[in-house]
C-alpha atoms as a PDB file:
ATOM      1  CA  MET A   1       0.000   0.000   0.000  1.00  0.00           C
ATOM      2  CA  LYS A   2       1.509   3.293  -1.140  1.00  0.00           C
ATOM      3  CA  ARG A   3       0.824   6.446   0.869  1.00  0.00           C
ATOM      4  CA  GLU A   4      -0.057   9.594  -0.994  1.00  0.00           C
ATOM      5  CA  MET A   5       1.664  12.777   0.180  1.00  0.00           C
ATOM      6  CA  ILE A   6      -0.826  15.595   0.635  1.00  0.00           C
ATOM      7  CA  PRO A   7       0.781  19.036   0.872  1.00  0.00           C
ATOM      8  CA  VAL A   8      -0.346  21.147   3.814  1.00  0.00           C
ATOM      9  CA  PRO A   9      -0.556  24.866   3.026  1.00  0.00           C
ATOM     10  CA  LYS A  10       1.547  27.251   5.105  1.00  0.00           C
ATOM     11  CA  PRO A  11      -0.584  29.622   7.202  1.00  0.00           C
ATOM     12  CA  ARG A  12      -0.704  33.237   6.068  1.00  0.00           C
ATOM     13  CA  SER A  13      -0.729  34.527   9.632  1.00  0.00           C
ATOM     14  CA  ASN A  14       2.163  34.697  12.073  1.00  0.00           C
ATOM     15  CA  PHE A  15       3.410  36.498  15.144  1.00  0.00           C
ATOM     16  CA  LEU A  16       5.350  39.754  14.769  1.00  0.00           C
ATOM     17  CA  THR A  17       7.700  41.531  17.141  1.00  0.00           C
ATOM     18  CA  VAL A  18       6.811  45.217  16.821  1.00  0.00           C
ATOM     19  CA  GLN A  19       8.879  48.127  18.154  1.00  0.00           C
ATOM     20  CA  CYS A  20       7.063  51.265  19.309  1.00  0.00           C
ATOM     21  CA  GLU A  21       8.050  54.389  17.358  1.00  0.00           C
ATOM     22  CA  LYS A  22       7.750  56.596  20.463  1.00  0.00           C
ATOM     23  CA  CYS A  23       9.492  54.704  23.290  1.00  0.00           C
ATOM     24  CA  SER A  24      11.277  51.829  21.439  1.00  0.00           C
ATOM     25  CA  ALA A  25       9.644  49.110  23.601  1.00  0.00           C
ATOM     26  CA  THR A  26       8.983  45.809  21.791  1.00  0.00           C
ATOM     27  CA  THR A  27       5.741  43.817  21.855  1.00  0.00           C
ATOM     28  CA  THR A  28       4.780  40.547  20.180  1.00  0.00           C
ATOM     29  CA  VAL A  29       1.437  40.747  18.315  1.00  0.00           C
ATOM     30  CA  PHE A  30      -0.547  38.430  16.042  1.00  0.00           C
ATOM     31  CA  SER A  31      -0.591  39.547  12.395  1.00  0.00           C
ATOM     32  CA  HIS A  32      -4.378  39.092  12.124  1.00  0.00           C
ATOM     33  CA  THR A  33      -5.340  40.462  15.538  1.00  0.00           C
ATOM     34  CA  THR A  34      -8.998  41.232  16.258  1.00  0.00           C
ATOM     35  CA  ALA A  35      -8.232  43.803  18.961  1.00  0.00           C
ATOM     36  CA  ASN A  36      -6.381  47.100  18.954  1.00  0.00           C
ATOM     37  CA  ILE A  37      -2.984  46.639  20.636  1.00  0.00           C
ATOM     38  CA  LYS A  38      -1.245  49.386  22.611  1.00  0.00           C
ATOM     39  CA  CYS A  39       2.412  49.658  23.601  1.00  0.00           C
ATOM     40  CA  SER A  40       3.107  48.232  27.041  1.00  0.00           C
ATOM     41  CA  GLY A  41       5.558  51.060  27.764  1.00  0.00           C
ATOM     42  CA  CYS A  42       3.813  54.290  26.743  1.00  0.00           C
ATOM     43  CA  GLY A  43       0.280  53.285  25.672  1.00  0.00           C
ATOM     44  CA  GLU A  44       0.601  54.383  22.027  1.00  0.00           C
ATOM     45  CA  PRO A  45      -1.329  52.189  19.552  1.00  0.00           C
ATOM     46  CA  ILE A  46       0.985  49.793  17.678  1.00  0.00           C
ATOM     47  CA  ALA A  47      -1.575  47.568  15.879  1.00  0.00           C
ATOM     48  CA  GLN A  48      -5.148  48.221  14.729  1.00  0.00           C
ATOM     49  CA  SER A  49      -7.719  45.597  13.819  1.00  0.00           C
ATOM     50  CA  SER A  50      -8.961  45.912  10.241  1.00  0.00           C
ATOM     51  CA  GLY A  51     -11.161  42.844   9.782  1.00  0.00           C
ATOM     52  CA  SER A  52      -8.398  40.675   8.317  1.00  0.00           C
ATOM     53  CA  LYS A  53      -4.689  41.521   8.465  1.00  0.00           C
ATOM     54  CA  ALA A  54      -3.929  44.061  11.200  1.00  0.00           C
ATOM     55  CA  ARG A  55      -2.566  47.500  10.406  1.00  0.00           C
ATOM     56  CA  ILE A  56       0.844  47.668  12.097  1.00  0.00           C
ATOM     57  CA  LEU A  57       1.693  51.199  13.275  1.00  0.00           C
ATOM     58  CA  GLY A  58       5.140  50.470  14.750  1.00  0.00           C
ATOM     59  CA  LYS A  59       8.299  49.053  13.213  1.00  0.00           C
ATOM     60  CA  VAL A  60       8.291  45.272  12.578  1.00  0.00           C
ATOM     61  CA  VAL A  61      11.544  44.008  14.075  1.00  0.00           C
ATOM     62  CA  ALA A  62      11.112  40.250  13.574  1.00  0.00           C
ATOM     63  CA  THR A  63       8.693  37.624  12.284  1.00  0.00           C
ATOM     64  CA  LEU A  64       8.274  34.503  14.379  1.00  0.00           C
ATOM     65  CA  ASP A  65       7.952  31.532  11.998  1.00  0.00           C
ATOM     66  CA  GLN A  66       6.440  28.218  12.937  1.00  0.00           C
END
């Protein structure tokens, strides 16, 4: 019996490390977040929910791959 290899698609979402433009603190956020995320240091918004992919307002420092 031969097994058939079925490719599994890579997810389009991932986690991002975002640096605040104002205070340079870093926060890890989900790329498709459903909530508005504020900086843990100064309270400035760093990610806004948009219905699908979030609008990132800070600088993306790293992408955490699976």
